[in-house]
Amino acid sequence: MKKASLEAMSTDELVQRFAAIGVAQDQALLGFRLKEFNRLFRKMADVSQELKRREGDQRRALLALFSYPNMQVRLKAAKHTLAVAPFDARRQIEEIAASQCYPQAGEAGMSLDNLDNGIFKPT
């Protein structure tokens, strides 16, 4: 999706798009389709950047996805909101890590380690 298309979307539409990309990422992960996952990773980053660019940093809207039924969506929403809602986002990541549901639990655990060691600094 082109940047202009993202700019034309409402914040709610961007949140829905973020969730749809997360579901597609989960399917790509489970199917071992790394190229597809990488392409979706970039698309998700573009949506997040568009939300960040908006007045007041609208990434907070992704907090609504913390109760989404798909764990990949919840994990990515948490990681993309660390800069705007660090306590809530970290708690979500901790819950996913403790769930033992892989591969998301593994990514969540590594994310916590990287946060704690200063390797990952949310912006």
Protein backbone atom coordinates (compact mmCIF):
# COMPACT_ATOMS: atom_id res chain seq x y z
CA MET A 1 0.00 0.00 0.00
CA LYS A 2 1.37 3.38 -0.96
CA LYS A 3 2.06 6.11 1.59
CA ALA A 4 -0.66 8.29 0.07
CA SER A 5 -3.17 5.49 0.58
CA LEU A 6 -2.21 5.21 4.24
CA GLU A 7 -2.45 8.97 4.68
CA ALA A 8 -6.03 8.86 3.38
CA MET A 9 -7.10 6.23 5.92
CA SER A 10 -8.72 7.07 9.23
CA THR A 11 -6.98 6.05 12.43
CA ASP A 12 -9.55 3.28 12.94
CA GLU A 13 -8.91 2.00 9.42
CA LEU A 14 -5.17 1.97 10.10
CA VAL A 15 -5.72 -0.05 13.29
CA GLN A 16 -7.83 -2.53 11.31
CA ARG A 17 -5.11 -2.70 8.65
CA PHE A 18 -2.47 -3.29 11.34
CA ALA A 19 -4.52 -6.19 12.71
CA ALA A 20 -5.05 -7.71 9.27
CA ILE A 21 -1.31 -7.55 8.60
CA GLY A 22 -0.65 -9.21 11.97
CA VAL A 23 -2.99 -12.09 11.15
CA ALA A 24 -1.27 -12.50 7.77
CA GLN A 25 2.13 -12.45 9.52
CA ASP A 26 0.97 -15.23 11.82
CA GLN A 27 -0.12 -17.35 8.87
CA ALA A 28 3.18 -16.69 7.08
CA LEU A 29 5.13 -17.67 10.22
CA LEU A 30 3.18 -20.88 10.67
CA GLY A 31 3.69 -21.72 6.99
CA PHE A 32 7.43 -20.95 7.12
CA ARG A 33 6.99 -18.30 4.39
CA LEU A 34 9.82 -15.96 5.41
CA LYS A 35 9.74 -13.74 2.29
CA GLU A 36 6.04 -13.08 2.80
CA PHE A 37 6.59 -12.39 6.51
CA ASN A 38 9.35 -9.88 5.73
CA ARG A 39 7.14 -8.08 3.22
CA LEU A 40 4.35 -7.91 5.80
CA PHE A 41 6.81 -6.67 8.43
CA ARG A 42 7.54 -3.63 6.26
CA LYS A 43 3.84 -3.00 5.64
CA MET A 44 3.15 -3.08 9.37
CA ALA A 45 6.01 -0.66 10.01
CA ASP A 46 4.52 1.70 7.41
CA VAL A 47 1.15 1.65 9.18
CA SER A 48 2.83 2.27 12.53
CA GLN A 49 4.84 5.16 11.06
CA GLU A 50 1.68 6.73 9.67
CA LEU A 51 0.03 6.51 13.10
CA LYS A 52 3.15 8.00 14.73
CA ARG A 53 3.22 10.85 12.21
CA ARG A 54 -0.32 11.94 13.09
CA GLU A 55 -0.89 14.65 15.66
CA GLY A 56 -0.49 13.34 19.17
CA ASP A 57 1.14 10.10 17.98
CA GLN A 58 -1.88 7.96 17.25
CA ARG A 59 -0.08 4.68 17.95
CA ARG A 60 -2.10 4.73 21.18
CA ALA A 61 -5.01 3.52 19.07
CA LEU A 62 -3.21 0.17 18.80
CA LEU A 63 -3.89 -0.40 22.51
CA ALA A 64 -7.36 -1.56 21.42
CA LEU A 65 -5.66 -4.60 19.87
CA PHE A 66 -4.40 -5.88 23.25
CA SER A 67 -7.56 -7.98 23.48
CA TYR A 68 -7.46 -9.17 19.85
CA PRO A 69 -7.92 -12.95 19.52
CA ASN A 70 -4.69 -13.43 17.52
CA MET A 71 -1.51 -13.44 19.63
CA GLN A 72 0.70 -12.13 16.79
CA VAL A 73 -1.54 -9.07 16.54
CA ARG A 74 -1.37 -8.52 20.31
CA LEU A 75 2.41 -8.91 20.37
CA LYS A 76 3.02 -6.50 17.51
CA ALA A 77 0.55 -3.98 18.92
CA ALA A 78 2.41 -4.11 22.23
CA LYS A 79 5.81 -3.68 20.63
CA HIS A 80 4.59 -0.77 18.51
CA THR A 81 3.10 1.01 21.55
CA LEU A 82 6.10 0.71 23.88
CA ALA A 83 7.06 4.34 23.26
CA VAL A 84 3.58 5.73 23.95
CA ALA A 85 2.28 3.35 26.64
CA PRO A 86 5.36 1.63 28.09
CA PHE A 87 3.78 0.06 31.18
CA ASP A 88 0.71 -1.37 29.44
CA ALA A 89 2.77 -2.54 26.46
CA ARG A 90 5.38 -4.22 28.63
CA ARG A 91 2.69 -5.98 30.68
CA GLN A 92 1.18 -7.31 27.45
CA ILE A 93 4.58 -8.55 26.25
CA GLU A 94 5.20 -10.20 29.64
CA GLU A 95 1.84 -11.99 29.44
CA ILE A 96 2.65 -13.28 25.96
CA ALA A 97 6.10 -14.46 27.07
CA ALA A 98 4.55 -16.30 30.02
CA SER A 99 1.89 -17.92 27.82
CA GLN A 100 4.38 -20.43 26.38
CA CYS A 101 2.55 -20.09 23.02
CA TYR A 102 5.27 -20.15 20.41
CA PRO A 103 6.61 -18.53 18.30
CA GLN A 104 5.14 -15.35 19.84
CA ALA A 105 6.21 -16.27 23.40
CA GLY A 106 9.79 -16.61 22.17
CA GLU A 107 9.75 -13.23 20.44
CA ALA A 108 8.16 -11.65 23.51
CA GLY A 109 10.84 -13.07 25.78
CA MET A 110 13.63 -11.85 23.51
CA SER A 111 11.98 -8.43 23.34
CA LEU A 112 11.95 -8.22 27.14
CA ASP A 113 15.62 -9.19 27.30
CA ASN A 114 16.48 -6.58 24.66
CA LEU A 115 14.50 -3.91 26.53
CA ASP A 116 16.13 -4.78 29.85
CA ASN A 117 19.62 -4.79 28.33
CA GLY A 118 19.11 -1.49 26.51
CA ILE A 119 19.46 -3.11 23.09
CA PHE A 120 15.92 -2.16 22.07
CA LYS A 121 14.92 1.44 22.77
CA PRO A 122 11.36 2.30 21.73
CA THR A 123 10.91 5.54 19.84
